[in-house]
Protein backbone atom coordinates (compact mmCIF):
# COMPACT_ATOMS: atom_id res chain seq x y z
CA MET A 1 171.50 269.47 18.57
CA THR A 2 170.41 271.49 21.42
CA ALA A 3 170.23 274.99 21.37
CA LYS A 4 173.29 276.90 22.26
CA LEU A 5 174.74 280.73 23.23
CA THR A 6 174.97 283.11 21.17
CA ASN A 7 178.67 284.49 20.29
CA ALA A 8 177.51 287.34 22.42
CA GLN A 9 176.18 285.67 25.54
CA ILE A 10 179.64 283.26 25.87
CA ALA A 11 181.22 286.56 25.07
CA TRP A 12 179.25 287.82 28.62
CA ARG A 13 179.89 285.19 30.69
CA ALA A 14 183.66 285.23 30.18
CA ALA A 15 183.94 289.10 31.18
CA GLN A 16 181.92 288.32 34.75
CA ASP A 17 184.79 286.38 35.57
CA ILE A 18 187.52 289.18 35.06
CA PRO A 19 188.67 290.17 38.29
CA ASP A 20 189.01 293.82 39.52
CA GLY A 21 191.48 295.69 38.11
CA ALA A 22 192.64 293.24 36.11
CA TYR A 23 194.83 294.35 33.07
CA VAL A 24 193.54 292.12 29.58
CA ASN A 25 193.81 291.03 26.49
CA LEU A 26 191.37 290.60 24.51
CA GLY A 27 192.31 288.19 20.75
CA ILE A 28 191.28 289.81 18.06
CA GLY A 29 188.06 289.33 16.36
CA PHE A 30 185.27 287.13 17.74
CA PRO A 31 186.96 288.03 21.61
CA GLU A 32 186.99 291.80 21.45
CA MET A 33 183.03 291.23 22.15
CA VAL A 34 184.14 290.87 26.03
CA ALA A 35 184.71 294.27 25.88
CA LYS A 36 181.48 295.13 26.09
CA PHE A 37 180.18 292.90 29.04
CA LYS A 38 182.40 294.74 31.87
CA PRO A 39 179.95 294.50 34.21
CA ASP A 40 179.70 297.44 36.66
CA GLY A 41 181.53 298.60 39.02
CA ARG A 42 184.41 297.16 38.32
CA GLU A 43 187.09 298.08 36.06
CA VAL A 44 189.07 296.71 34.06
CA ILE A 45 192.34 298.31 32.00
CA TYR A 46 191.72 296.61 28.65
CA HIS A 47 195.63 296.16 26.39
CA THR A 48 195.93 296.29 22.64
CA GLU A 49 198.87 295.17 20.90
CA ASN A 50 199.48 297.86 18.92
CA GLY A 51 200.13 299.77 21.87
CA ILE A 52 197.59 301.68 23.70
CA LEU A 53 196.86 301.20 27.86
CA ASP A 54 193.02 301.81 28.59
CA PHE A 55 191.46 301.68 26.10
CA GLY A 56 186.67 302.26 26.25
CA GLU A 57 184.43 301.85 24.43
CA ALA A 58 183.85 301.76 20.34
CA PRO A 59 182.43 304.84 19.46
CA PRO A 60 179.11 305.96 18.07
CA ALA A 61 178.83 304.83 13.60
CA GLY A 62 180.15 308.06 11.90
CA GLN A 63 182.59 309.03 15.01
CA GLU A 64 185.14 307.36 14.45
CA ASP A 65 189.17 308.84 14.76
CA TRP A 66 191.03 306.00 12.50
CA ASP A 67 194.27 307.31 14.43
CA LEU A 68 193.06 305.19 17.75
CA ILE A 69 192.39 301.62 16.54
CA ASN A 70 193.09 298.49 18.66
CA ALA A 71 194.67 295.15 16.40
CA GLY A 72 192.39 294.62 15.02
CA LYS A 73 192.25 297.88 13.23
CA LYS A 74 188.82 298.98 15.15
CA ALA A 75 187.94 302.32 15.90
CA VAL A 76 188.54 302.36 20.41
CA THR A 77 187.40 305.36 22.82
CA LEU A 78 190.19 306.20 25.18
CA ASN A 79 189.15 306.01 28.85
CA PRO A 80 191.11 309.13 31.11
CA GLY A 81 194.64 307.95 31.85
CA ALA A 82 195.31 305.94 28.49
CA SER A 83 198.52 305.49 27.14
CA PHE A 84 200.84 305.04 23.71
CA PHE A 85 204.06 302.71 23.16
CA HIS A 86 206.02 301.70 20.92
CA HIS A 87 205.02 298.31 19.39
CA ALA A 88 208.26 296.75 20.97
CA ASP A 89 207.14 297.92 24.32
CA SER A 90 204.17 296.66 24.37
CA PHE A 91 205.38 293.13 23.67
CA ALA A 92 207.35 293.30 26.70
CA MET A 93 204.39 293.88 28.39
CA VAL A 94 203.28 290.58 27.83
CA ARG A 95 206.66 288.86 27.55
CA GLY A 96 207.70 290.27 31.10
CA GLY A 97 203.95 288.84 32.97
CA HIS A 98 202.27 291.84 32.74
CA LEU A 99 198.70 291.04 31.82
CA ASP A 100 196.70 289.56 34.22
CA VAL A 101 193.88 287.61 31.44
CA ALA A 102 194.52 287.00 27.78
CA ILE A 103 191.22 285.98 25.71
CA LEU A 104 191.55 283.84 22.38
CA GLY A 105 189.81 282.23 20.05
CA ALA A 106 190.44 279.14 19.31
CA TYR A 107 189.81 276.24 16.81
CA GLU A 108 190.75 273.61 18.66
CA VAL A 109 191.97 273.47 22.70
CA ALA A 110 193.09 269.58 23.87
CA GLU A 111 192.43 268.60 27.31
CA ASN A 112 196.30 268.90 28.85
CA GLY A 113 195.20 272.79 27.26
CA ASP A 114 197.29 273.31 24.05
CA LEU A 115 196.17 275.80 22.07
CA ALA A 116 195.50 276.21 18.07
CA ASN A 117 193.82 278.99 17.28
CA TRP A 118 196.22 279.64 14.15
CA SER A 119 195.34 277.30 10.77
CA THR A 120 197.45 276.90 7.06
CA GLY A 121 194.77 275.28 5.47
CA PRO A 122 192.41 277.58 2.63
CA GLY A 123 191.34 281.25 2.86
CA SER A 124 193.54 281.74 6.52
CA VAL A 125 196.01 284.38 7.26
CA PRO A 126 199.46 281.29 7.22
CA ALA A 127 200.55 283.08 10.88
CA VAL A 128 199.85 282.86 14.57
CA GLY A 129 200.70 287.04 15.12
CA GLY A 130 200.80 287.98 18.67
CA ALA A 131 199.17 285.11 20.25
CA MET A 132 202.08 282.57 20.92
CA ASP A 133 203.36 285.63 22.99
CA LEU A 134 199.97 285.91 25.06
CA VAL A 135 199.23 282.68 25.82
CA HIS A 136 202.70 282.52 27.33
CA GLY A 137 202.73 285.84 29.54
CA ALA A 138 199.01 286.52 30.56
CA LYS A 139 198.73 285.11 34.15
CA ARG A 140 195.54 283.72 33.06
CA VAL A 141 194.16 282.36 29.28
CA CYS A 142 191.03 281.59 28.39
CA VAL A 143 189.25 280.79 25.23
CA ILE A 144 185.70 281.99 24.33
CA THR A 145 184.48 279.18 21.72
CA ASP A 146 181.84 277.55 19.99
CA HIS A 147 181.68 273.77 21.76
CA VAL A 148 181.53 272.30 18.19
CA THR A 149 182.99 273.33 14.55
CA LYS A 150 180.88 274.10 12.10
CA HIS A 151 180.11 270.70 10.44
CA GLY A 152 179.69 269.54 13.76
CA LYS A 153 182.40 268.03 15.11
CA PRO A 154 184.16 268.60 18.35
CA LYS A 155 186.73 271.19 18.89
CA LEU A 156 187.64 270.11 23.11
CA LEU A 157 190.16 266.95 21.46
CA LYS A 158 192.19 264.50 23.31
CA GLN A 159 195.04 266.00 21.70
CA CYS A 160 195.08 269.32 19.11
CA ARG A 161 195.50 268.13 14.98
CA LEU A 162 196.17 272.06 13.48
CA PRO A 163 199.38 273.67 14.22
CA LEU A 164 200.20 274.55 17.73
CA THR A 165 199.51 278.19 19.25
CA GLY A 166 201.10 277.35 22.61
CA VAL A 167 201.53 274.27 24.34
CA GLY A 168 199.85 273.38 28.11
CA CYS A 169 198.74 277.65 28.64
CA VAL A 170 195.13 277.62 28.96
CA THR A 171 193.29 278.07 31.87
CA THR A 172 189.89 278.10 31.37
CA VAL A 173 186.74 277.10 28.37
CA TYR A 174 183.95 278.92 27.91
CA THR A 175 181.87 277.15 25.01
CA SER A 176 178.73 277.64 23.73
CA LEU A 177 177.98 274.73 25.71
CA ALA A 178 179.73 274.72 29.16
CA VAL A 179 182.34 276.42 31.17
CA LEU A 180 185.57 273.99 32.12
CA ASP A 181 188.60 273.80 33.41
CA ILE A 182 191.40 273.02 32.33
CA VAL A 183 192.92 271.03 35.72
CA ASP A 184 195.87 268.63 35.82
CA ALA A 185 195.53 267.81 32.01
CA ARG A 186 191.72 267.32 32.16
CA PHE A 187 188.59 268.74 31.36
CA VAL A 188 186.09 270.00 34.96
CA LEU A 189 183.14 270.81 33.62
CA ARG A 190 181.70 273.98 35.82
CA GLU A 191 178.99 275.32 34.44
CA LYS A 192 176.46 273.67 31.15
CA LEU A 193 173.27 274.43 29.69
CA PRO A 194 170.20 273.18 31.73
CA SER A 195 169.07 271.96 28.81
CA ILE A 196 171.73 269.49 27.82
CA SER A 197 172.72 266.42 29.87
CA LEU A 198 176.62 265.54 30.99
CA ASP A 199 176.41 262.85 28.03
CA GLU A 200 175.01 264.53 25.71
CA LEU A 201 177.77 266.98 26.39
CA GLN A 202 180.32 264.10 26.44
CA ALA A 203 178.97 263.08 22.59
CA LEU A 204 179.85 266.79 21.11
CA THR A 205 183.76 266.38 23.39
CA GLU A 206 185.97 264.41 21.81
CA ALA A 207 188.13 264.38 25.54
CA THR A 208 186.10 263.59 28.36
CA LEU A 209 184.93 265.45 30.41
CA VAL A 210 185.73 265.33 34.39
CA VAL A 211 182.52 266.11 37.91
CA GLU A 212 184.68 267.46 40.50
CA GLY A 213 181.28 268.19 42.86
CA SER A 214 178.42 270.14 41.84
CA VAL A 215 177.88 271.14 38.18
CA LYS A 216 175.96 274.63 38.43
CA ASP A 217 173.71 275.78 35.40
CA LEU A 218 175.08 277.79 33.00
CA VAL A 219 172.66 280.92 32.65
CA VAL A 220 172.84 284.14 30.91
CA PRO A 221 171.39 287.20 30.12
CA GLU A 222 169.57 287.51 26.40
CA VAL A 223 171.91 290.19 24.93
């Protein structure tokens, strides 16, 4: 298989598209990495479901305050003006449409925007969690993921096979090989690694890739 982006590089690419002044929720795990790559001079206000608005970077090792954690139980710092609130109020913000962007991981994404990012399989946590609220509460839902599974099977599908997190909710997908928007129930290819051809990318994608205009090279720094 062709060379691909690392998780950090995928997170960096997704971070570049967060608008200045946006209120953003990052999913637990891999998506939390996006916070490390906020472009200089851009204000992003991060929200976490357990009740913090405007948290900052992770503290240096050994300087954690374990009363200050995000939803993934990782230590955070606070930016000036940060606020705390009840878990129920946090979800009122989500359900009330007050988040501009949610960035989540995925097991599967369908061409119509359906998302499956939880599983009842062995070793998994059999619960969808707050993601089901985020995908329908945020104005824009982005997915960051490897383009294929660890077994080399496509993750961008005609139809999801796993239990759904949300229906028709995904806006943009950032993978280890490409950037795609979901428009009119189609994967529209916006960027791809210059080292992979369109035919090679299609072979790794179950759903049909649609090209509208020029496809830009997906170029990211070493991070």
